[in-house]
PDB file of N, CA and C in Angstrom:
ATOM      1  N   MET A   1       3.375   1.535  17.613  1.00  0.00           N
ATOM      2  CA  MET A   1       3.524   2.722  16.785  1.00  0.00           C
ATOM      3  C   MET A   1       2.627   2.587  15.564  1.00  0.00           C
ATOM      4  N   ALA A   2       1.938   3.637  15.198  1.00  0.00           N
ATOM      5  CA  ALA A   2       1.019   3.623  14.063  1.00  0.00           C
ATOM      6  C   ALA A   2       1.781   3.782  12.752  1.00  0.00           C
ATOM      7  N   ASP A   3       1.293   3.073  11.736  1.00  0.00           N
ATOM      8  CA  ASP A   3       1.875   3.212  10.403  1.00  0.00           C
ATOM      9  C   ASP A   3       1.350   4.483   9.753  1.00  0.00           C
ATOM     10  N   ASN A   4       2.174   5.094   8.938  1.00  0.00           N
ATOM     11  CA  ASN A   4       1.723   6.235   8.155  1.00  0.00           C
ATOM     12  C   ASN A   4       0.967   5.715   6.950  1.00  0.00           C
ATOM     13  N   LEU A   5      -0.087   6.408   6.573  1.00  0.00           N
ATOM     14  CA  LEU A   5      -0.858   6.049   5.393  1.00  0.00           C
ATOM     15  C   LEU A   5      -0.566   7.052   4.292  1.00  0.00           C
ATOM     16  N   ILE A   6      -0.355   6.549   3.083  1.00  0.00           N
ATOM     17  CA  ILE A   6      -0.107   7.420   1.944  1.00  0.00           C
ATOM     18  C   ILE A   6      -1.114   7.096   0.845  1.00  0.00           C
ATOM     19  N   THR A   7      -1.270   8.013  -0.096  1.00  0.00           N
ATOM     20  CA  THR A   7      -2.205   7.823  -1.196  1.00  0.00           C
ATOM     21  C   THR A   7      -1.599   6.911  -2.262  1.00  0.00           C
ATOM     22  N   VAL A   8      -2.448   6.458  -3.156  1.00  0.00           N
ATOM     23  CA  VAL A   8      -1.989   5.643  -4.284  1.00  0.00           C
ATOM     24  C   VAL A   8      -1.004   6.447  -5.129  1.00  0.00           C
ATOM     25  N   ARG A   9      -1.295   7.707  -5.336  1.00  0.00           N
ATOM     26  CA  ARG A   9      -0.411   8.553  -6.142  1.00  0.00           C
ATOM     27  C   ARG A   9       0.970   8.702  -5.489  1.00  0.00           C
ATOM     28  N   GLU A  10       0.996   8.874  -4.165  1.00  0.00           N
ATOM     29  CA  GLU A  10       2.271   8.974  -3.454  1.00  0.00           C
ATOM     30  C   GLU A  10       3.050   7.661  -3.533  1.00  0.00           C
ATOM     31  N   ALA A  11       2.347   6.542  -3.402  1.00  0.00           N
ATOM     32  CA  ALA A  11       3.001   5.237  -3.509  1.00  0.00           C
ATOM     33  C   ALA A  11       3.568   5.035  -4.915  1.00  0.00           C
ATOM     34  N   ALA A  12       2.802   5.437  -5.921  1.00  0.00           N
ATOM     35  CA  ALA A  12       3.267   5.312  -7.302  1.00  0.00           C
ATOM     36  C   ALA A  12       4.527   6.141  -7.529  1.00  0.00           C
ATOM     37  N   SER A  13       4.548   7.329  -6.979  1.00  0.00           N
ATOM     38  CA  SER A  13       5.722   8.185  -7.118  1.00  0.00           C
ATOM     39  C   SER A  13       6.940   7.569  -6.450  1.00  0.00           C
ATOM     40  N   PHE A  14       6.744   7.041  -5.239  1.00  0.00           N
ATOM     41  CA  PHE A  14       7.852   6.421  -4.518  1.00  0.00           C
ATOM     42  C   PHE A  14       8.390   5.196  -5.264  1.00  0.00           C
ATOM     43  N   LEU A  15       7.476   4.364  -5.773  1.00  0.00           N
ATOM     44  CA  LEU A  15       7.867   3.130  -6.454  1.00  0.00           C
ATOM     45  C   LEU A  15       8.255   3.352  -7.910  1.00  0.00           C
ATOM     46  N   ARG A  16       8.004   4.573  -8.407  1.00  0.00           N
ATOM     47  CA  ARG A  16       8.293   4.930  -9.799  1.00  0.00           C
ATOM     48  C   ARG A  16       7.538   4.038 -10.776  1.00  0.00           C
ATOM     49  N   ILE A  17       6.241   3.875 -10.494  1.00  0.00           N
ATOM     50  CA  ILE A  17       5.340   3.141 -11.367  1.00  0.00           C
ATOM     51  C   ILE A  17       4.064   3.969 -11.495  1.00  0.00           C
ATOM     52  N   SER A  18       3.171   3.564 -12.382  1.00  0.00           N
ATOM     53  CA  SER A  18       1.931   4.317 -12.558  1.00  0.00           C
ATOM     54  C   SER A  18       0.955   4.026 -11.424  1.00  0.00           C
ATOM     55  N   ALA A  19       0.025   4.950 -11.230  1.00  0.00           N
ATOM     56  CA  ALA A  19      -1.006   4.751 -10.220  1.00  0.00           C
ATOM     57  C   ALA A  19      -1.838   3.519 -10.556  1.00  0.00           C
ATOM     58  N   ARG A  20      -2.104   3.285 -11.845  1.00  0.00           N
ATOM     59  CA  ARG A  20      -2.871   2.103 -12.250  1.00  0.00           C
ATOM     60  C   ARG A  20      -2.156   0.819 -11.831  1.00  0.00           C
ATOM     61  N   THR A  21      -0.837   0.797 -11.948  1.00  0.00           N
ATOM     62  CA  THR A  21      -0.081  -0.377 -11.524  1.00  0.00           C
ATOM     63  C   THR A  21      -0.204  -0.576 -10.022  1.00  0.00           C
ATOM     64  N   VAL A  22      -0.212   0.504  -9.258  1.00  0.00           N
ATOM     65  CA  VAL A  22      -0.407   0.398  -7.810  1.00  0.00           C
ATOM     66  C   VAL A  22      -1.775  -0.211  -7.522  1.00  0.00           C
ATOM     67  N   TYR A  23      -2.819   0.238  -8.230  1.00  0.00           N
ATOM     68  CA  TYR A  23      -4.150  -0.354  -8.052  1.00  0.00           C
ATOM     69  C   TYR A  23      -4.126  -1.851  -8.365  1.00  0.00           C
ATOM     70  N   ARG A  24      -3.422  -2.235  -9.409  1.00  0.00           N
ATOM     71  CA  ARG A  24      -3.321  -3.663  -9.759  1.00  0.00           C
ATOM     72  C   ARG A  24      -2.606  -4.443  -8.666  1.00  0.00           C
ATOM     73  N   LEU A  25      -1.559  -3.873  -8.091  1.00  0.00           N
ATOM     74  CA  LEU A  25      -0.842  -4.538  -7.001  1.00  0.00           C
ATOM     75  C   LEU A  25      -1.728  -4.674  -5.766  1.00  0.00           C
ATOM     76  N   ILE A  26      -2.558  -3.684  -5.502  1.00  0.00           N
ATOM     77  CA  ILE A  26      -3.506  -3.751  -4.391  1.00  0.00           C
ATOM     78  C   ILE A  26      -4.513  -4.869  -4.649  1.00  0.00           C
ATOM     79  N   GLU A  27      -5.078  -4.881  -5.857  1.00  0.00           N
ATOM     80  CA  GLU A  27      -6.084  -5.884  -6.206  1.00  0.00           C
ATOM     81  C   GLU A  27      -5.532  -7.302  -6.149  1.00  0.00           C
ATOM     82  N   SER A  28      -4.258  -7.477  -6.485  1.00  0.00           N
ATOM     83  CA  SER A  28      -3.655  -8.815  -6.469  1.00  0.00           C
ATOM     84  C   SER A  28      -3.142  -9.208  -5.086  1.00  0.00           C
ATOM     85  N   GLY A  29      -3.167  -8.271  -4.141  1.00  0.00           N
ATOM     86  CA  GLY A  29      -2.716  -8.573  -2.788  1.00  0.00           C
ATOM     87  C   GLY A  29      -1.221  -8.409  -2.563  1.00  0.00           C
ATOM     88  N   GLN A  30      -0.508  -7.887  -3.548  1.00  0.00           N
ATOM     89  CA  GLN A  30       0.934  -7.712  -3.409  1.00  0.00           C
ATOM     90  C   GLN A  30       1.296  -6.502  -2.563  1.00  0.00           C
ATOM     91  N   ILE A  31       0.376  -5.550  -2.474  1.00  0.00           N
ATOM     92  CA  ILE A  31       0.548  -4.400  -1.590  1.00  0.00           C
ATOM     93  C   ILE A  31      -0.705  -4.321  -0.728  1.00  0.00           C
ATOM     94  N   GLY A  32      -0.512  -4.271   0.568  1.00  0.00           N
ATOM     95  CA  GLY A  32      -1.643  -4.140   1.473  1.00  0.00           C
ATOM     96  C   GLY A  32      -2.159  -2.714   1.475  1.00  0.00           C
ATOM     97  N   ALA A  33      -3.464  -2.567   1.570  1.00  0.00           N
ATOM     98  CA  ALA A  33      -4.068  -1.240   1.553  1.00  0.00           C
ATOM     99  C   ALA A  33      -5.381  -1.273   2.313  1.00  0.00           C
ATOM    100  N   VAL A  34      -5.807  -0.110   2.747  1.00  0.00           N
ATOM    101  CA  VAL A  34      -7.111   0.025   3.391  1.00  0.00           C
ATOM    102  C   VAL A  34      -7.937   0.991   2.561  1.00  0.00           C
ATOM    103  N   ARG A  35      -9.207   0.722   2.518  1.00  0.00           N
ATOM    104  CA  ARG A  35     -10.113   1.594   1.775  1.00  0.00           C
ATOM    105  C   ARG A  35     -10.802   2.506   2.772  1.00  0.00           C
ATOM    106  N   ILE A  36     -10.684   3.803   2.534  1.00  0.00           N
ATOM    107  CA  ILE A  36     -11.328   4.808   3.379  1.00  0.00           C
ATOM    108  C   ILE A  36     -12.297   5.551   2.481  1.00  0.00           C
ATOM    109  N   GLY A  37     -13.580   5.265   2.669  1.00  0.00           N
ATOM    110  CA  GLY A  37     -14.578   5.814   1.764  1.00  0.00           C
ATOM    111  C   GLY A  37     -14.384   5.222   0.384  1.00  0.00           C
ATOM    112  N   LYS A  38     -14.133   6.080  -0.600  1.00  0.00           N
ATOM    113  CA  LYS A  38     -13.905   5.612  -1.970  1.00  0.00           C
ATOM    114  C   LYS A  38     -12.426   5.597  -2.341  1.00  0.00           C
ATOM    115  N   GLN A  39     -11.555   5.918  -1.394  1.00  0.00           N
ATOM    116  CA  GLN A  39     -10.135   6.042  -1.697  1.00  0.00           C
ATOM    117  C   GLN A  39      -9.326   4.964  -0.987  1.00  0.00           C
ATOM    118  N   TRP A  40      -8.251   4.542  -1.628  1.00  0.00           N
ATOM    119  CA  TRP A  40      -7.319   3.585  -1.036  1.00  0.00           C
ATOM    120  C   TRP A  40      -6.194   4.338  -0.346  1.00  0.00           C
ATOM    121  N   ARG A  41      -5.754   3.807   0.782  1.00  0.00           N
ATOM    122  CA  ARG A  41      -4.566   4.303   1.483  1.00  0.00           C
ATOM    123  C   ARG A  41      -3.653   3.107   1.717  1.00  0.00           C
ATOM    124  N   ILE A  42      -2.363   3.358   1.606  1.00  0.00           N
ATOM    125  CA  ILE A  42      -1.363   2.307   1.719  1.00  0.00           C
ATOM    126  C   ILE A  42      -0.480   2.593   2.913  1.00  0.00           C
ATOM    127  N   ARG A  43      -0.260   1.586   3.742  1.00  0.00           N
ATOM    128  CA  ARG A  43       0.647   1.734   4.882  1.00  0.00           C
ATOM    129  C   ARG A  43       2.081   1.778   4.361  1.00  0.00           C
ATOM    130  N   THR A  44       2.859   2.694   4.876  1.00  0.00           N
ATOM    131  CA  THR A  44       4.250   2.789   4.423  1.00  0.00           C
ATOM    132  C   THR A  44       5.009   1.505   4.724  1.00  0.00           C
ATOM    133  N   SER A  45       4.629   0.789   5.774  1.00  0.00           N
ATOM    134  CA  SER A  45       5.313  -0.461   6.111  1.00  0.00           C
ATOM    135  C   SER A  45       4.993  -1.567   5.111  1.00  0.00           C
ATOM    136  N   ASP A  46       3.946  -1.389   4.286  1.00  0.00           N
ATOM    137  CA  ASP A  46       3.591  -2.394   3.286  1.00  0.00           C
ATOM    138  C   ASP A  46       4.303  -2.183   1.955  1.00  0.00           C
ATOM    139  N   LEU A  47       5.040  -1.084   1.816  1.00  0.00           N
ATOM    140  CA  LEU A  47       5.772  -0.830   0.583  1.00  0.00           C
ATOM    141  C   LEU A  47       7.188  -1.365   0.688  1.00  0.00           C
ATOM    142  N   PRO A  48       7.662  -2.029  -0.360  1.00  0.00           N
ATOM    143  CA  PRO A  48       9.045  -2.506  -0.330  1.00  0.00           C
ATOM    144  C   PRO A  48      10.019  -1.335  -0.258  1.00  0.00           C
ATOM    145  N   GLY A  49      10.954  -1.402   0.669  1.00  0.00           N
ATOM    146  CA  GLY A  49      11.959  -0.358   0.799  1.00  0.00           C
ATOM    147  C   GLY A  49      11.533   0.847   1.598  1.00  0.00           C
ATOM    148  N   LEU A  50      10.356   0.801   2.211  1.00  0.00           N
ATOM    149  CA  LEU A  50       9.869   1.927   2.994  1.00  0.00           C
ATOM    150  C   LEU A  50       9.252   1.377   4.267  1.00  0.00           C
ATOM    151  N   GLY A  51       9.463   2.029   5.358  1.00  0.00           N
ATOM    152  CA  GLY A  51       8.890   1.560   6.618  1.00  0.00           C
ATOM    153  C   GLY A  51       9.769   0.520   7.290  1.00  0.00           C
ATOM    154  N   SER A  52       9.158  -0.374   8.040  1.00  0.00           N
ATOM    155  CA  SER A  52       9.913  -1.326   8.860  1.00  0.00           C
ATOM    156  C   SER A  52      10.607  -2.400   8.047  1.00  0.00           C
ATOM    157  N   THR A  53      10.241  -2.594   6.768  1.00  0.00           N
ATOM    158  CA  THR A  53      10.864  -3.633   5.967  1.00  0.00           C
ATOM    159  C   THR A  53      11.980  -3.086   5.092  1.00  0.00           C
ATOM    160  N   ALA A  54      12.447  -1.880   5.363  1.00  0.00           N
ATOM    161  CA  ALA A  54      13.492  -1.272   4.539  1.00  0.00           C
ATOM    162  C   ALA A  54      14.735  -2.143   4.524  1.00  0.00           C
ATOM    163  N   GLY A  55      15.286  -2.321   3.322  1.00  0.00           N
ATOM    164  CA  GLY A  55      16.495  -3.103   3.167  1.00  0.00           C
ATOM    165  C   GLY A  55      16.243  -4.583   2.979  1.00  0.00           C
ATOM    166  N   SER A  56      15.022  -5.019   3.050  1.00  0.00           N
ATOM    167  CA  SER A  56      14.700  -6.422   2.865  1.00  0.00           C
ATOM    168  C   SER A  56      14.729  -6.754   1.383  1.00  0.00           C
ATOM    169  N   ALA A  57      15.345  -7.884   1.041  1.00  0.00           N
ATOM    170  CA  ALA A  57      15.431  -8.287  -0.354  1.00  0.00           C
ATOM    171  C   ALA A  57      14.256  -9.157  -0.768  1.00  0.00           C
ATOM    172  N   SER A  58      13.437  -9.561   0.174  1.00  0.00           N
ATOM    173  CA  SER A  58      12.323 -10.444  -0.157  1.00  0.00           C
ATOM    174  C   SER A  58      11.146  -9.654  -0.710  1.00  0.00           C
ATOM    175  N   ALA A  59      10.333 -10.341  -1.488  1.00  0.00           N
ATOM    176  CA  ALA A  59       9.137  -9.715  -2.051  1.00  0.00           C
ATOM    177  C   ALA A  59       8.105  -9.533  -0.950  1.00  0.00           C
ATOM    178  N   PRO A  60       7.234  -8.538  -1.091  1.00  0.00           N
ATOM    179  CA  PRO A  60       6.215  -8.336  -0.073  1.00  0.00           C
ATOM    180  C   PRO A  60       5.248  -9.513  -0.039  1.00  0.00           C
ATOM    181  N   SER A  61       4.847  -9.910   1.156  1.00  0.00           N
ATOM    182  CA  SER A  61       3.902 -11.005   1.281  1.00  0.00           C
ATOM    183  C   SER A  61       2.499 -10.503   1.007  1.00  0.00           C
ATOM    184  N   PRO A  62       1.636 -11.378   0.484  1.00  0.00           N
ATOM    185  CA  PRO A  62       0.256 -10.955   0.229  1.00  0.00           C
ATOM    186  C   PRO A  62      -0.415 -10.515   1.523  1.00  0.00           C
ATOM    187  N   VAL A  63      -1.200  -9.449   1.437  1.00  0.00           N
ATOM    188  CA  VAL A  63      -1.851  -8.884   2.606  1.00  0.00           C
ATOM    189  C   VAL A  63      -3.332  -8.763   2.305  1.00  0.00           C
ATOM    190  N   ARG A  64      -4.159  -9.022   3.301  1.00  0.00           N
ATOM    191  CA  ARG A  64      -5.597  -8.910   3.089  1.00  0.00           C
ATOM    192  C   ARG A  64      -6.001  -7.446   3.017  1.00  0.00           C
ATOM    193  N   HIS A  65      -7.089  -7.183   2.306  1.00  0.00           N
ATOM    194  CA  HIS A  65      -7.624  -5.834   2.207  1.00  0.00           C
ATOM    195  C   HIS A  65      -8.611  -5.625   3.348  1.00  0.00           C
ATOM    196  N   GLU A  66      -8.610  -4.448   3.891  1.00  0.00           N
ATOM    197  CA  GLU A  66      -9.550  -4.109   4.955  1.00  0.00           C
ATOM    198  C   GLU A  66     -10.483  -3.025   4.436  1.00  0.00           C
ATOM    199  N   ASN A  67     -11.768  -3.297   4.483  1.00  0.00           N
ATOM    200  CA  ASN A  67     -12.745  -2.293   4.093  1.00  0.00           C
ATOM    201  C   ASN A  67     -13.235  -1.580   5.327  1.00  0.00           C
ATOM    202  N   THR A  68     -13.419  -0.298   5.210  1.00  0.00           N
ATOM    203  CA  THR A  68     -13.942   0.479   6.325  1.00  0.00           C
ATOM    204  C   THR A  68     -15.289   1.056   5.940  1.00  0.00           C
ATOM    205  N   VAL A  69     -16.078   1.353   6.920  1.00  0.00           N
ATOM    206  CA  VAL A  69     -17.392   1.915   6.680  1.00  0.00           C
ATOM    207  C   VAL A  69     -17.419   3.309   7.272  1.00  0.00           C
ATOM    208  N   ASN A  70     -17.896   4.256   6.477  1.00  0.00           N
ATOM    209  CA  ASN A  70     -18.038   5.623   6.980  1.00  0.00           C
ATOM    210  C   ASN A  70     -19.248   5.680   7.873  1.00  0.00           C
ATOM    211  N   ALA A  71     -19.044   6.150   9.080  1.00  0.00           N
ATOM    212  CA  ALA A  71     -20.156   6.231  10.023  1.00  0.00           C
ATOM    213  C   ALA A  71     -20.709   7.631  10.079  1.00  0.00           C
TER     214      ALA A  71
END
Protein backbone atom coordinates (compact mmCIF):
# COMPACT_ATOMS: atom_id res chain seq x y z
CA MET A 1 0.00 0.00 0.00
CA ALA A 2 1.34 3.45 -0.91
CA ASP A 3 1.88 6.09 1.74
CA ASN A 4 0.07 9.38 1.41
CA LEU A 5 2.31 12.40 0.94
CA ILE A 6 1.49 15.70 2.62
CA THR A 7 3.05 19.15 2.44
CA VAL A 8 5.24 20.72 5.11
CA ARG A 9 2.41 23.11 5.92
CA GLU A 10 -0.06 20.23 6.40
CA ALA A 11 2.43 18.39 8.62
CA ALA A 12 2.97 21.54 10.68
CA SER A 13 -0.76 21.94 11.14
CA PHE A 14 -1.18 18.32 12.22
CA LEU A 15 1.76 18.48 14.65
CA ARG A 16 0.78 21.97 15.84
CA ILE A 17 4.24 23.38 15.21
CA SER A 18 5.59 25.93 12.74
CA ALA A 19 6.54 25.03 9.19
CA ARG A 20 10.12 26.12 9.99
CA THR A 21 10.24 23.56 12.80
CA VAL A 22 9.08 20.88 10.36
CA TYR A 23 11.95 21.86 8.03
CA ARG A 24 14.37 21.58 10.96
CA LEU A 25 13.02 18.12 11.82
CA ILE A 26 13.47 17.07 8.18
CA GLU A 27 17.03 18.42 8.11
CA SER A 28 17.91 16.60 11.35
CA GLY A 29 16.43 13.33 10.11
CA GLN A 30 13.71 13.14 12.76
CA ILE A 31 11.00 13.20 10.10
CA GLY A 32 11.49 11.39 6.82
CA ALA A 33 10.66 13.35 3.69
CA VAL A 34 11.12 13.27 -0.05
CA ARG A 35 12.01 16.23 -2.18
CA ILE A 36 9.91 16.68 -5.31
CA GLY A 37 11.39 19.46 -7.37
CA LYS A 38 11.90 22.32 -4.92
CA GLN A 39 9.26 21.15 -2.43
CA TRP A 40 9.36 18.66 0.42
CA ARG A 41 6.66 16.03 0.90
CA ILE A 42 6.26 13.98 4.06
CA ARG A 43 4.87 10.46 4.23
CA THR A 44 2.00 10.24 6.68
CA SER A 45 3.55 7.04 8.07
CA ASP A 46 6.65 9.08 9.05
CA LEU A 47 4.67 11.40 11.33
CA PRO A 48 4.21 10.44 14.96
CA GLY A 49 0.58 9.58 15.62
CA LEU A 50 -0.39 9.37 11.96
CA GLY A 51 -0.25 6.45 9.58
CA SER A 52 0.93 2.96 10.51
CA THR A 53 2.74 4.09 13.68
CA ALA A 54 -0.37 5.56 15.30
CA GLY A 55 -0.46 5.00 19.04
CA SER A 56 3.25 4.31 19.32
CA ALA A 57 4.91 5.97 22.29
CA SER A 58 8.40 5.77 20.83
CA ALA A 59 10.11 8.65 19.08
CA PRO A 60 10.38 8.47 15.30
CA SER A 61 13.56 6.83 14.08
CA PRO A 62 15.91 8.83 11.87
CA VAL A 63 15.07 8.38 8.20
CA ARG A 64 17.23 9.08 5.18
CA HIS A 65 16.22 11.81 2.74
CA GLU A 66 15.47 10.84 -0.83
CA ASN A 67 16.14 13.33 -3.58
CA THR A 68 14.25 13.04 -6.81
CA VAL A 69 15.11 14.42 -10.20
CA ASN A 70 12.55 16.02 -12.46
CA ALA A 71 12.73 14.35 -15.83
